Structures are given as structure tokens and as C-alpha cells.
């Protein structure tokens, strides 16, 4: 037998109370979604700013790489011109060609460690030649200083290339984060709009 609600001591909520409960529910959801939206929005802005900064950094590094390549070749060109005038031109053809061939290897795009090894070998052979031919220690010091500047440019260049690989990995991670955040951003925006419309509807009925 079904008992009457009032007889059982249970009071059915009034229409006004039901509407108030619905209004409160939508307000609670709105508050939660807006808070999450604000936090996500700030994070998304920061990530996009980081991506923009990384892009600008890569542009500057590309420009720096070109400067270093030109700088490296310039120092080797100066060294070669110095050696040609002060040493190579005063040597027999076989000795001069042997030193020129060694020097040519230094100018190639090689790793700094290999460059150092070839430079040390070349300078040792050059010293022996200078001691035999006697063109002057000053030439040796000038050549060594310019080749060291060239090698330093190569070291910095390789460091930039290495850092670029890490930037590519970071970019991939940031792109994935932006994609997920934008998807969540859109979802929250829709939820907020829906709850605002529902809240507006029920508040009108509440009056």
C-alpha cells in the first residue's frame, strides 16, 4: 500500500525551492569552470609566448651561425694569405704543397676535436719548417692565433647546432601541449556558455 508523502513525514520541495536548487547548481558549475578556464587561459598564453620567444631565438641563432661560418672562413683565409706570402712562397714545391694540403683539411666542415688535432699536427710541421727555413717565429704566432680564432668560431657553431636539436624537441612538446590546451579551452568555453544560458533561464523563473 502506497503511503501519502505527507503522512510519511516527507515534505515535497516547492517549485521555488527546486528552481533555487537548479540555480545554485548552475552557479556552482559556472564558478568551477570559470576558475579552470582562467588558469588554463593563463597557462596557454604563457606557453604561446614561450613558443614565440623560442622562434625568435632560433632566428637569431640562424643569423649567428652564418656570422660564425663567415668568421671562421675569414680567419682561415687570412692565415692562408699570411702563410702563402711569408712561408709557402719561400719553400720548395713539394714541401709547400704538403703543408697546403694539411691546411686545406682544416678549412673543411669538421668537428672541433678533429680540427684541434689537425691544427696541432699542422702547427708542429710548420714549426719544423720554420726552424729549417728560418722565416721567423712571428709568422708562426700570427698563424696560430688566427687559426685558434677560427676554431673557436667552429666550437660556438657546433654548440648552437646542438642546442637547436633540443629546441626542436621542446617545440614538439609545446605544440602538443598547446593543442591539448586549446581543445580543453574550447570545451570549457562551451560549458561556461551553456551554464550561463541555463542560469539566466532559471533565474527568470525564480522571480
N, C-alpha and C. Protein backbone atom coordinates (compact mmCIF):
# COMPACT_ATOMS: atom_id res chain seq x y z
N UNK A 1 0.85 -1.18 0.00
CA UNK A 1 0.00 0.00 0.00
C UNK A 1 0.89 1.24 0.00
N UNK A 2 0.57 2.16 -0.89
CA UNK A 2 1.38 3.36 -1.03
C UNK A 2 0.94 4.41 -0.04
N UNK A 3 1.88 4.88 0.77
CA UNK A 3 1.56 5.89 1.75
C UNK A 3 1.64 7.27 1.15
N UNK A 4 0.84 8.15 1.64
CA UNK A 4 0.88 9.54 1.22
C UNK A 4 2.17 10.16 1.74
N UNK A 5 2.83 11.01 0.91
CA UNK A 5 4.12 11.61 1.28
C UNK A 5 4.01 12.40 2.58
N UNK A 6 2.93 13.19 2.69
CA UNK A 6 2.77 14.00 3.91
C UNK A 6 2.58 13.11 5.13
N UNK A 7 1.84 11.97 4.95
CA UNK A 7 1.60 11.06 6.06
C UNK A 7 2.90 10.40 6.51
N UNK A 8 3.82 10.21 5.60
CA UNK A 8 5.10 9.57 5.92
C UNK A 8 6.08 10.56 6.53
N UNK A 9 5.70 11.78 6.62
CA UNK A 9 6.58 12.79 7.22
C UNK A 9 7.60 13.36 6.26
N UNK A 10 7.44 13.13 4.97
CA UNK A 10 8.35 13.64 3.95
C UNK A 10 7.68 14.80 3.23
N UNK A 11 8.36 15.97 3.23
CA UNK A 11 7.77 17.12 2.58
C UNK A 11 8.37 17.31 1.19
N UNK A 12 7.51 17.36 0.23
CA UNK A 12 7.97 17.57 -1.15
C UNK A 12 8.41 19.02 -1.30
N UNK A 13 9.60 19.25 -1.94
CA UNK A 13 10.07 20.62 -2.13
C UNK A 13 9.12 21.41 -3.02
N UNK A 14 9.03 22.67 -2.75
CA UNK A 14 8.17 23.52 -3.56
C UNK A 14 8.86 23.82 -4.89
N UNK A 15 8.10 24.35 -5.80
CA UNK A 15 8.64 24.69 -7.11
C UNK A 15 9.75 25.74 -6.97
N UNK A 16 9.54 26.70 -6.08
CA UNK A 16 10.55 27.74 -5.86
C UNK A 16 11.84 27.16 -5.32
N UNK A 17 11.70 26.19 -4.42
CA UNK A 17 12.89 25.54 -3.85
C UNK A 17 13.63 24.73 -4.92
N UNK A 18 12.89 24.07 -5.79
CA UNK A 18 13.50 23.28 -6.87
C UNK A 18 14.27 24.20 -7.82
N UNK A 19 13.64 25.32 -8.15
CA UNK A 19 14.30 26.28 -9.06
C UNK A 19 15.56 26.84 -8.40
N UNK A 20 15.48 27.16 -7.10
CA UNK A 20 16.65 27.67 -6.38
C UNK A 20 17.79 26.66 -6.38
N UNK A 21 17.43 25.39 -6.23
CA UNK A 21 18.45 24.33 -6.23
C UNK A 21 19.13 24.23 -7.59
N UNK A 22 18.32 24.35 -8.65
CA UNK A 22 18.87 24.29 -10.01
C UNK A 22 19.77 25.50 -10.27
N UNK A 23 19.31 26.66 -9.82
CA UNK A 23 20.10 27.89 -9.99
C UNK A 23 21.44 27.75 -9.27
N UNK A 24 21.40 27.24 -8.05
CA UNK A 24 22.62 27.06 -7.27
C UNK A 24 23.58 26.08 -7.94
N UNK A 25 23.00 25.04 -8.52
CA UNK A 25 23.83 24.04 -9.21
C UNK A 25 24.57 24.68 -10.39
N UNK A 26 23.85 25.46 -11.19
CA UNK A 26 24.49 26.10 -12.35
C UNK A 26 25.53 27.14 -11.91
N UNK A 27 25.26 27.85 -10.82
CA UNK A 27 26.23 28.82 -10.30
C UNK A 27 27.51 28.12 -9.85
N UNK A 28 27.34 26.96 -9.21
CA UNK A 28 28.50 26.21 -8.72
C UNK A 28 29.35 25.72 -9.90
N UNK A 29 28.68 25.17 -10.92
CA UNK A 29 29.41 24.70 -12.09
C UNK A 29 30.11 25.86 -12.80
N UNK A 30 29.41 27.00 -12.89
CA UNK A 30 29.99 28.18 -13.54
C UNK A 30 31.26 28.63 -12.83
N UNK A 31 31.20 28.67 -11.52
CA UNK A 31 32.35 29.09 -10.72
C UNK A 31 33.54 28.15 -10.94
N UNK A 32 33.27 26.85 -10.94
CA UNK A 32 34.33 25.86 -11.12
C UNK A 32 34.93 25.94 -12.52
N UNK A 33 34.06 26.03 -13.54
CA UNK A 33 34.54 26.07 -14.93
C UNK A 33 35.28 27.37 -15.23
N UNK A 34 34.78 28.49 -14.67
CA UNK A 34 35.45 29.76 -14.92
C UNK A 34 36.84 29.80 -14.26
N UNK A 35 36.94 29.19 -13.09
CA UNK A 35 38.24 29.13 -12.42
C UNK A 35 39.22 28.30 -13.24
N UNK A 36 38.78 27.13 -13.69
CA UNK A 36 39.63 26.27 -14.51
C UNK A 36 39.98 26.95 -15.83
N UNK A 37 39.00 27.65 -16.40
CA UNK A 37 39.21 28.35 -17.67
C UNK A 37 40.28 29.43 -17.51
N UNK A 38 40.18 30.19 -16.39
CA UNK A 38 41.16 31.26 -16.14
C UNK A 38 42.57 30.73 -15.99
N UNK A 39 42.71 29.62 -15.25
CA UNK A 39 44.02 29.02 -15.05
C UNK A 39 44.59 28.48 -16.36
N UNK A 40 43.71 27.84 -17.13
CA UNK A 40 44.14 27.29 -18.42
C UNK A 40 44.50 28.40 -19.39
N UNK A 41 43.72 29.46 -19.37
CA UNK A 41 43.96 30.59 -20.27
C UNK A 41 45.33 31.22 -19.99
N UNK A 42 45.66 31.38 -18.71
CA UNK A 42 46.96 31.96 -18.34
C UNK A 42 48.10 31.05 -18.77
N UNK A 43 47.91 29.74 -18.57
CA UNK A 43 48.94 28.77 -18.95
C UNK A 43 49.13 28.74 -20.46
N UNK A 44 48.03 28.82 -21.19
CA UNK A 44 48.09 28.79 -22.66
C UNK A 44 48.80 30.02 -23.19
N UNK A 45 48.50 31.18 -22.61
CA UNK A 45 49.16 32.43 -23.02
C UNK A 45 50.67 32.33 -22.80
N UNK A 46 51.07 31.75 -21.65
CA UNK A 46 52.49 31.62 -21.32
C UNK A 46 53.21 30.67 -22.27
N UNK A 47 52.55 29.55 -22.58
CA UNK A 47 53.16 28.58 -23.49
C UNK A 47 53.31 29.18 -24.89
N UNK A 48 52.29 29.88 -25.36
CA UNK A 48 52.36 30.50 -26.68
C UNK A 48 53.43 31.58 -26.72
N UNK A 49 53.61 32.28 -25.60
CA UNK A 49 54.66 33.29 -25.50
C UNK A 49 56.04 32.62 -25.54
N UNK A 50 56.15 31.48 -24.88
CA UNK A 50 57.42 30.73 -24.90
C UNK A 50 57.75 30.24 -26.31
N UNK A 51 56.72 29.80 -27.03
CA UNK A 51 56.92 29.34 -28.41
C UNK A 51 57.38 30.50 -29.29
N UNK A 52 56.77 31.65 -29.09
CA UNK A 52 57.14 32.85 -29.85
C UNK A 52 58.59 33.24 -29.56
N UNK A 53 58.96 33.22 -28.27
CA UNK A 53 60.33 33.56 -27.89
C UNK A 53 61.34 32.57 -28.46
N UNK A 54 60.96 31.29 -28.45
CA UNK A 54 61.84 30.25 -28.99
C UNK A 54 62.05 30.45 -30.49
N UNK A 55 60.99 30.84 -31.17
CA UNK A 55 61.07 31.10 -32.61
C UNK A 55 62.02 32.26 -32.89
N UNK A 56 61.87 33.33 -32.12
CA UNK A 56 62.76 34.50 -32.28
C UNK A 56 64.20 34.13 -31.96
N UNK A 57 64.38 33.27 -30.95
CA UNK A 57 65.72 32.82 -30.58
C UNK A 57 66.36 32.03 -31.71
N UNK A 58 65.56 31.16 -32.34
CA UNK A 58 66.09 30.37 -33.46
C UNK A 58 66.50 31.26 -34.64
N UNK A 59 65.71 32.31 -34.87
CA UNK A 59 66.05 33.25 -35.95
C UNK A 59 67.40 33.91 -35.66
N UNK A 60 67.57 34.34 -34.40
CA UNK A 60 68.85 34.97 -34.02
C UNK A 60 70.01 33.98 -34.13
N UNK A 61 69.76 32.73 -33.75
CA UNK A 61 70.80 31.71 -33.83
C UNK A 61 71.17 31.39 -35.28
N UNK A 62 70.19 31.42 -36.16
CA UNK A 62 70.47 31.19 -37.58
C UNK A 62 71.38 32.30 -38.11
N UNK A 63 71.08 33.53 -37.70
CA UNK A 63 71.91 34.66 -38.11
C UNK A 63 73.31 34.53 -37.52
N UNK A 64 73.38 34.09 -36.27
CA UNK A 64 74.67 33.92 -35.61
C UNK A 64 75.48 32.82 -36.28
N UNK A 65 74.83 31.76 -36.69
CA UNK A 65 75.51 30.66 -37.38
C UNK A 65 76.17 31.13 -38.66
N UNK A 66 75.46 31.97 -39.41
CA UNK A 66 76.02 32.49 -40.66
C UNK A 66 77.23 33.37 -40.38
N UNK A 67 77.13 34.16 -39.31
CA UNK A 67 78.26 35.03 -38.93
C UNK A 67 79.48 34.17 -38.56
N UNK A 68 79.24 33.12 -37.79
CA UNK A 68 80.34 32.25 -37.35
C UNK A 68 80.99 31.52 -38.51
N UNK A 69 80.17 31.06 -39.46
CA UNK A 69 80.72 30.38 -40.65
C UNK A 69 81.61 31.32 -41.44
N UNK A 70 81.12 32.54 -41.64
CA UNK A 70 81.90 33.53 -42.39
C UNK A 70 83.16 33.94 -41.62
N UNK A 71 83.00 34.07 -40.31
CA UNK A 71 84.13 34.46 -39.45
C UNK A 71 85.22 33.39 -39.49
N UNK A 72 84.80 32.14 -39.41
CA UNK A 72 85.74 31.02 -39.43
C UNK A 72 86.53 30.99 -40.75
N UNK A 73 85.81 31.13 -41.84
CA UNK A 73 86.46 31.11 -43.15
C UNK A 73 87.37 32.33 -43.35
N UNK A 74 86.96 33.46 -42.77
CA UNK A 74 87.78 34.67 -42.89
C UNK A 74 89.12 34.48 -42.19
N UNK A 75 89.10 33.92 -40.97
CA UNK A 75 90.36 33.70 -40.25
C UNK A 75 91.27 32.72 -40.99
N UNK A 76 90.67 31.70 -41.57
CA UNK A 76 91.49 30.75 -42.34
C UNK A 76 92.04 31.39 -43.61
N UNK A 77 91.22 32.24 -44.22
CA UNK A 77 91.67 32.94 -45.43
C UNK A 77 92.85 33.86 -45.10
N UNK A 78 92.75 34.58 -43.96
CA UNK A 78 93.84 35.45 -43.53
C UNK A 78 95.11 34.65 -43.23
N UNK A 79 94.91 33.50 -42.58
CA UNK A 79 96.06 32.64 -42.25
C UNK A 79 96.72 32.12 -43.52
N UNK A 80 95.88 31.68 -44.45
CA UNK A 80 96.41 31.14 -45.72
C UNK A 80 97.18 32.20 -46.49
N UNK A 81 96.64 33.42 -46.52
CA UNK A 81 97.32 34.51 -47.23
C UNK A 81 98.66 34.84 -46.57
N UNK A 82 98.67 34.84 -45.23
CA UNK A 82 99.91 35.10 -44.49
C UNK A 82 100.95 34.04 -44.76
N UNK A 83 100.53 32.79 -44.69
CA UNK A 83 101.46 31.67 -44.92
C UNK A 83 101.97 31.64 -46.35
N UNK A 84 101.10 31.99 -47.28
CA UNK A 84 101.50 31.99 -48.69
C UNK A 84 102.61 33.00 -48.93
N UNK A 85 102.44 34.18 -48.36
CA UNK A 85 103.43 35.24 -48.57
C UNK A 85 104.72 34.99 -47.79
N UNK A 86 104.57 34.63 -46.51
CA UNK A 86 105.73 34.55 -45.62
C UNK A 86 106.44 33.19 -45.61
N UNK A 87 105.72 32.11 -45.96
CA UNK A 87 106.34 30.78 -45.84
C UNK A 87 106.26 29.97 -47.12
N UNK A 88 105.03 29.71 -47.62
CA UNK A 88 104.87 28.81 -48.76
C UNK A 88 105.69 29.24 -49.98
N UNK A 89 105.68 30.53 -50.22
CA UNK A 89 106.39 31.05 -51.40
C UNK A 89 107.90 30.89 -51.30
N UNK A 90 108.40 30.64 -50.08
CA UNK A 90 109.84 30.53 -49.86
C UNK A 90 110.31 29.07 -49.75
N UNK A 91 109.34 28.15 -49.89
CA UNK A 91 109.66 26.73 -49.76
C UNK A 91 109.76 26.06 -51.12
N UNK A 92 110.36 24.87 -51.12
CA UNK A 92 110.35 24.09 -52.35
C UNK A 92 108.92 23.61 -52.61
N UNK A 93 108.59 23.29 -53.82
CA UNK A 93 107.22 22.98 -54.24
C UNK A 93 106.62 21.79 -53.48
N UNK A 94 107.41 20.75 -53.25
CA UNK A 94 106.90 19.55 -52.58
C UNK A 94 106.52 19.86 -51.13
N UNK A 95 107.39 20.54 -50.41
CA UNK A 95 107.12 20.88 -49.01
C UNK A 95 105.92 21.83 -48.90
N UNK A 96 105.90 22.82 -49.79
CA UNK A 96 104.81 23.80 -49.77
C UNK A 96 103.46 23.12 -50.04
N UNK A 97 103.42 22.24 -51.04
CA UNK A 97 102.17 21.54 -51.39
C UNK A 97 101.70 20.62 -50.26
N UNK A 98 102.65 20.01 -49.56
CA UNK A 98 102.29 19.13 -48.45
C UNK A 98 101.63 19.93 -47.33
N UNK A 99 102.21 21.09 -47.00
CA UNK A 99 101.64 21.95 -45.96
C UNK A 99 100.29 22.52 -46.40
N UNK A 100 100.18 22.87 -47.66
CA UNK A 100 98.91 23.40 -48.18
C UNK A 100 97.79 22.36 -48.09
N UNK A 101 98.14 21.12 -48.36
CA UNK A 101 97.15 20.04 -48.30
C UNK A 101 96.68 19.84 -46.85
N UNK A 102 97.61 19.90 -45.92
CA UNK A 102 97.24 19.77 -44.50
C UNK A 102 96.34 20.93 -44.08
N UNK A 103 96.70 22.13 -44.55
CA UNK A 103 95.93 23.31 -44.20
C UNK A 103 94.52 23.24 -44.79
N UNK A 104 94.40 22.67 -45.96
CA UNK A 104 93.10 22.56 -46.64
C UNK A 104 92.11 21.74 -45.81
N UNK A 105 92.64 20.70 -45.14
CA UNK A 105 91.77 19.85 -44.31
C UNK A 105 91.17 20.63 -43.14
N UNK A 106 91.97 21.62 -42.65
CA UNK A 106 91.49 22.44 -41.53
C UNK A 106 90.27 23.29 -41.91
N UNK A 107 90.19 23.65 -43.17
CA UNK A 107 89.13 24.55 -43.62
C UNK A 107 87.80 23.84 -43.86
N UNK A 108 87.83 22.51 -43.85
CA UNK A 108 86.60 21.75 -44.10
C UNK A 108 85.64 21.82 -42.92
N UNK A 109 84.42 21.42 -43.14
CA UNK A 109 83.42 21.39 -42.06
C UNK A 109 83.63 20.14 -41.22
N UNK A 110 84.45 20.26 -40.20
CA UNK A 110 84.79 19.11 -39.36
C UNK A 110 84.47 19.41 -37.91
N UNK A 111 84.50 18.39 -37.09
CA UNK A 111 84.23 18.56 -35.67
C UNK A 111 85.38 19.31 -34.99
N UNK A 112 85.09 20.14 -33.98
CA UNK A 112 86.14 20.91 -33.30
C UNK A 112 87.30 20.05 -32.78
N UNK A 113 86.97 18.84 -32.29
CA UNK A 113 88.02 17.95 -31.77
C UNK A 113 88.99 17.55 -32.89
N UNK A 114 88.42 17.22 -34.05
CA UNK A 114 89.26 16.86 -35.21
C UNK A 114 90.04 18.08 -35.69
N UNK A 115 89.38 19.22 -35.64
CA UNK A 115 90.03 20.46 -36.06
C UNK A 115 91.25 20.75 -35.17
N UNK A 116 91.09 20.54 -33.86
CA UNK A 116 92.20 20.76 -32.94
C UNK A 116 93.35 19.82 -33.24
N UNK A 117 93.02 18.56 -33.48
CA UNK A 117 94.05 17.56 -33.78
C UNK A 117 94.81 17.91 -35.06
N UNK A 118 94.08 18.28 -36.11
CA UNK A 118 94.71 18.64 -37.37
C UNK A 118 95.52 19.93 -37.25
N UNK A 119 95.00 20.85 -36.45
CA UNK A 119 95.72 22.12 -36.23
C UNK A 119 97.05 21.86 -35.51
N UNK A 120 97.00 21.03 -34.48
CA UNK A 120 98.23 20.72 -33.73
C UNK A 120 99.27 20.07 -34.64
N UNK A 121 98.81 19.15 -35.48
CA UNK A 121 99.71 18.45 -36.40
C UNK A 121 100.30 19.42 -37.42
N UNK A 122 99.43 20.29 -37.95
CA UNK A 122 99.88 21.26 -38.94
C UNK A 122 100.89 22.23 -38.33
N UNK A 123 100.60 22.72 -37.13
CA UNK A 123 101.49 23.67 -36.48
C UNK A 123 102.84 23.05 -36.15
N UNK A 124 102.84 21.78 -35.79
CA UNK A 124 104.10 21.10 -35.49
C UNK A 124 104.96 20.99 -36.75
N UNK A 125 104.31 20.64 -37.86
CA UNK A 125 105.04 20.56 -39.13
C UNK A 125 105.51 21.94 -39.58
N UNK A 126 104.68 22.94 -39.31
CA UNK A 126 105.04 24.31 -39.69
C UNK A 126 106.24 24.80 -38.88
N UNK A 127 106.27 24.44 -37.59
CA UNK A 127 107.39 24.83 -36.73
C UNK A 127 108.70 24.23 -37.25
N UNK A 128 108.63 22.96 -37.61
CA UNK A 128 109.83 22.30 -38.13
C UNK A 128 110.30 22.97 -39.41
N UNK A 129 109.33 23.36 -40.24
CA UNK A 129 109.68 24.03 -41.50
C UNK A 129 110.30 25.40 -41.23
N UNK A 130 109.73 26.13 -40.28
CA UNK A 130 110.23 27.45 -39.95
C UNK A 130 111.65 27.37 -39.37
N UNK A 131 111.88 26.36 -38.53
CA UNK A 131 113.22 26.19 -37.96
C UNK A 131 114.25 25.90 -39.05
N UNK A 132 113.78 25.17 -40.08
CA UNK A 132 114.71 24.82 -41.18
C UNK A 132 114.90 25.98 -42.15
N UNK A 133 113.79 26.67 -42.47
CA UNK A 133 113.87 27.74 -43.48
C UNK A 133 114.14 29.10 -42.85
N UNK A 134 113.77 29.23 -41.57
CA UNK A 134 114.03 30.47 -40.84
C UNK A 134 113.22 31.70 -41.24
N UNK A 135 111.90 31.59 -41.58
CA UNK A 135 111.13 32.78 -41.96
C UNK A 135 110.77 33.67 -40.78
N UNK A 136 110.83 33.14 -39.53
CA UNK A 136 110.52 33.97 -38.37
C UNK A 136 109.43 33.39 -37.49
N UNK A 137 109.66 33.48 -36.17
CA UNK A 137 108.69 32.96 -35.20
C UNK A 137 107.41 33.78 -35.18
N UNK A 138 107.50 35.06 -35.53
CA UNK A 138 106.33 35.94 -35.50
C UNK A 138 105.23 35.45 -36.44
N UNK A 139 105.61 34.94 -37.57
CA UNK A 139 104.63 34.40 -38.54
C UNK A 139 103.89 33.22 -37.92
N UNK A 140 104.63 32.39 -37.22
CA UNK A 140 104.04 31.22 -36.57
C UNK A 140 103.00 31.64 -35.54
N UNK A 141 103.32 32.65 -34.74
CA UNK A 141 102.39 33.13 -33.71
C UNK A 141 101.13 33.72 -34.33
N UNK A 142 101.28 34.48 -35.39
CA UNK A 142 100.12 35.07 -36.07
C UNK A 142 99.21 34.00 -36.66
N UNK A 143 99.83 33.02 -37.30
CA UNK A 143 99.06 31.94 -37.93
C UNK A 143 98.31 31.14 -36.87
N UNK A 144 99.00 30.86 -35.77
CA UNK A 144 98.38 30.07 -34.69
C UNK A 144 97.20 30.82 -34.07
N UNK A 145 97.36 32.13 -33.86
CA UNK A 145 96.30 32.94 -33.25
C UNK A 145 95.07 32.99 -34.13
N UNK A 146 95.27 33.16 -35.43
CA UNK A 146 94.12 33.24 -36.34
C UNK A 146 93.41 31.90 -36.49
N UNK A 147 94.18 30.83 -36.52
CA UNK A 147 93.55 29.51 -36.61
C UNK A 147 92.79 29.16 -35.34
N UNK A 148 93.29 29.66 -34.19
CA UNK A 148 92.59 29.43 -32.93
C UNK A 148 91.26 30.18 -32.91
N UNK A 149 91.25 31.39 -33.46
CA UNK A 149 90.00 32.15 -33.58
C UNK A 149 89.01 31.41 -34.48
N UNK A 150 89.53 30.84 -35.55
CA UNK A 150 88.68 30.07 -36.46
C UNK A 150 88.08 28.86 -35.75
N UNK A 151 88.90 28.19 -34.95
CA UNK A 151 88.43 27.01 -34.22
C UNK A 151 87.40 27.40 -33.16
N UNK A 152 87.60 28.53 -32.50
CA UNK A 152 86.62 29.00 -31.51
C UNK A 152 85.27 29.27 -32.16
N UNK A 153 85.31 29.81 -33.36
CA UNK A 153 84.07 30.05 -34.10
C UNK A 153 83.37 28.73 -34.40
N UNK A 154 84.16 27.73 -34.74
CA UNK A 154 83.61 26.41 -35.05
C UNK A 154 83.01 25.77 -33.79
N UNK A 155 83.66 25.95 -32.65
CA UNK A 155 83.14 25.41 -31.38
C UNK A 155 81.78 26.01 -31.06
N UNK A 156 81.69 27.34 -31.17
CA UNK A 156 80.41 28.02 -30.89
C UNK A 156 79.34 27.57 -31.88
N UNK A 157 79.73 27.41 -33.13
CA UNK A 157 78.79 26.96 -34.15
C UNK A 157 78.22 25.59 -33.82
N UNK A 158 79.08 24.67 -33.41
CA UNK A 158 78.63 23.31 -33.06
C UNK A 158 77.73 23.33 -31.83
N UNK A 159 78.02 24.21 -30.89
CA UNK A 159 77.19 24.32 -29.68
C UNK A 159 75.79 24.81 -30.03
N UNK A 160 75.71 25.74 -30.97
CA UNK A 160 74.41 26.24 -31.42
C UNK A 160 73.62 25.13 -32.09
N UNK A 161 74.29 24.37 -32.95
CA UNK A 161 73.62 23.27 -33.67
C UNK A 161 73.10 22.24 -32.67
N UNK A 162 73.90 21.98 -31.64
CA UNK A 162 73.48 21.02 -30.61
C UNK A 162 72.26 21.54 -29.85
N UNK A 163 72.26 22.83 -29.50
CA UNK A 163 71.13 23.41 -28.77
C UNK A 163 69.88 23.45 -29.63
N UNK A 164 70.05 23.55 -30.94
CA UNK A 164 68.90 23.57 -31.85
C UNK A 164 68.15 22.25 -31.82
N UNK A 165 68.86 21.16 -31.65
CA UNK A 165 68.22 19.85 -31.59
C UNK A 165 67.30 19.78 -30.37
N UNK A 166 67.76 20.34 -29.25
CA UNK A 166 66.94 20.36 -28.04
C UNK A 166 65.73 21.26 -28.23
N UNK A 167 65.92 22.37 -28.95
CA UNK A 167 64.82 23.29 -29.22
C UNK A 167 63.73 22.61 -30.05
N UNK A 168 64.14 21.78 -31.01
CA UNK A 168 63.18 21.05 -31.84
C UNK A 168 62.34 20.12 -30.98
N UNK A 169 63.00 19.43 -30.04
CA UNK A 169 62.28 18.53 -29.13
C UNK A 169 61.32 19.32 -28.24
N UNK A 170 61.78 20.45 -27.74
CA UNK A 170 60.93 21.29 -26.89
C UNK A 170 59.74 21.83 -27.66
N UNK A 171 59.98 22.19 -28.93
CA UNK A 171 58.89 22.72 -29.76
C UNK A 171 57.79 21.68 -29.95
N UNK A 172 58.22 20.43 -30.14
CA UNK A 172 57.26 19.35 -30.32
C UNK A 172 56.41 19.17 -29.08
N UNK A 173 57.05 19.25 -27.93
CA UNK A 173 56.34 19.11 -26.65
C UNK A 173 55.37 20.26 -26.44
N UNK A 174 55.83 21.49 -26.75
CA UNK A 174 54.98 22.67 -26.56
C UNK A 174 53.80 22.66 -27.53
N UNK A 175 54.03 22.21 -28.76
CA UNK A 175 52.95 22.15 -29.75
C UNK A 175 51.86 21.19 -29.29
N UNK A 176 52.29 20.07 -28.73
CA UNK A 176 51.34 19.08 -28.23
C UNK A 176 50.55 19.67 -27.05
N UNK A 177 51.25 20.39 -26.17
CA UNK A 177 50.60 21.00 -25.01
C UNK A 177 49.58 22.05 -25.45
N UNK A 178 49.96 22.86 -26.46
CA UNK A 178 49.06 23.89 -26.96
C UNK A 178 47.81 23.27 -27.57
N UNK A 179 48.01 22.20 -28.34
CA UNK A 179 46.88 21.51 -28.97
C UNK A 179 45.89 20.99 -27.94
N UNK A 180 46.41 20.34 -26.89
CA UNK A 180 45.55 19.80 -25.84
C UNK A 180 44.87 20.94 -25.06
N UNK A 181 45.62 22.00 -24.79
CA UNK A 181 45.07 23.12 -24.03
C UNK A 181 43.97 23.83 -24.80
N UNK A 182 44.16 24.00 -26.10
CA UNK A 182 43.15 24.66 -26.92
C UNK A 182 41.87 23.84 -26.99
N UNK A 183 42.03 22.52 -27.04
CA UNK A 183 40.87 21.64 -27.05
C UNK A 183 40.09 21.77 -25.74
N UNK A 184 40.83 21.74 -24.62
CA UNK A 184 40.21 21.91 -23.31
C UNK A 184 39.63 23.31 -23.15
N UNK A 185 40.31 24.30 -23.69
CA UNK A 185 39.88 25.69 -23.66
C UNK A 185 38.52 25.83 -24.35
N UNK A 186 38.40 25.21 -25.50
CA UNK A 186 37.15 25.27 -26.27
C UNK A 186 36.02 24.55 -25.53
N UNK A 187 36.35 23.40 -24.93
CA UNK A 187 35.35 22.62 -24.19
C UNK A 187 34.82 23.42 -23.00
N UNK A 188 35.74 24.05 -22.25
CA UNK A 188 35.34 24.85 -21.09
C UNK A 188 34.51 26.07 -21.51
N UNK A 189 34.91 26.69 -22.62
CA UNK A 189 34.18 27.85 -23.12
C UNK A 189 32.74 27.49 -23.43
N UNK A 190 32.55 26.32 -24.04
CA UNK A 190 31.20 25.85 -24.37
C UNK A 190 30.40 25.56 -23.11
N UNK A 191 31.05 24.91 -22.14
CA UNK A 191 30.38 24.59 -20.88
C UNK A 191 29.94 25.87 -20.15
N UNK A 192 30.82 26.85 -20.11
CA UNK A 192 30.51 28.11 -19.45
C UNK A 192 29.32 28.79 -20.11
N UNK A 193 29.33 28.82 -21.44
CA UNK A 193 28.23 29.43 -22.18
C UNK A 193 26.91 28.71 -21.90
N UNK A 194 26.94 27.39 -21.89
CA UNK A 194 25.73 26.61 -21.64
C UNK A 194 25.17 26.87 -20.24
N UNK A 195 26.06 26.90 -19.26
CA UNK A 195 25.61 27.13 -17.89
C UNK A 195 25.14 28.56 -17.68
N UNK A 196 25.75 29.51 -18.37
CA UNK A 196 25.29 30.90 -18.28
C UNK A 196 23.88 31.04 -18.86
N UNK A 197 23.65 30.38 -19.97
CA UNK A 197 22.31 30.42 -20.59
C UNK A 197 21.28 29.74 -19.69
N UNK A 198 21.67 28.60 -19.13
CA UNK A 198 20.74 27.88 -18.24
C UNK A 198 20.46 28.69 -16.99
N UNK A 199 21.51 29.31 -16.43
CA UNK A 199 21.35 30.11 -15.22
C UNK A 199 20.43 31.29 -15.48
N UNK A 200 20.63 31.93 -16.61
CA UNK A 200 19.79 33.07 -16.98
C UNK A 200 18.32 32.64 -17.10
N UNK A 201 18.09 31.48 -17.70
CA UNK A 201 16.73 30.95 -17.87
C UNK A 201 16.06 30.68 -16.53
N UNK A 202 16.77 29.95 -15.64
CA UNK A 202 16.16 29.57 -14.36
C UNK A 202 16.02 30.75 -13.41
N UNK A 203 16.92 31.72 -13.49
CA UNK A 203 16.80 32.90 -12.63
C UNK A 203 15.56 33.72 -12.99
N UNK A 204 15.20 33.72 -14.27
CA UNK A 204 13.99 34.42 -14.69
C UNK A 204 12.75 33.74 -14.11
N UNK A 205 12.78 32.40 -14.02
CA UNK A 205 11.65 31.66 -13.47
C UNK A 205 11.57 31.82 -11.95
N UNK A 206 12.73 32.10 -11.36
CA UNK A 206 12.81 32.22 -9.90
C UNK A 206 12.08 33.47 -9.41
N UNK A 207 12.03 34.50 -10.24
CA UNK A 207 11.42 35.76 -9.84
C UNK A 207 9.91 35.59 -9.60
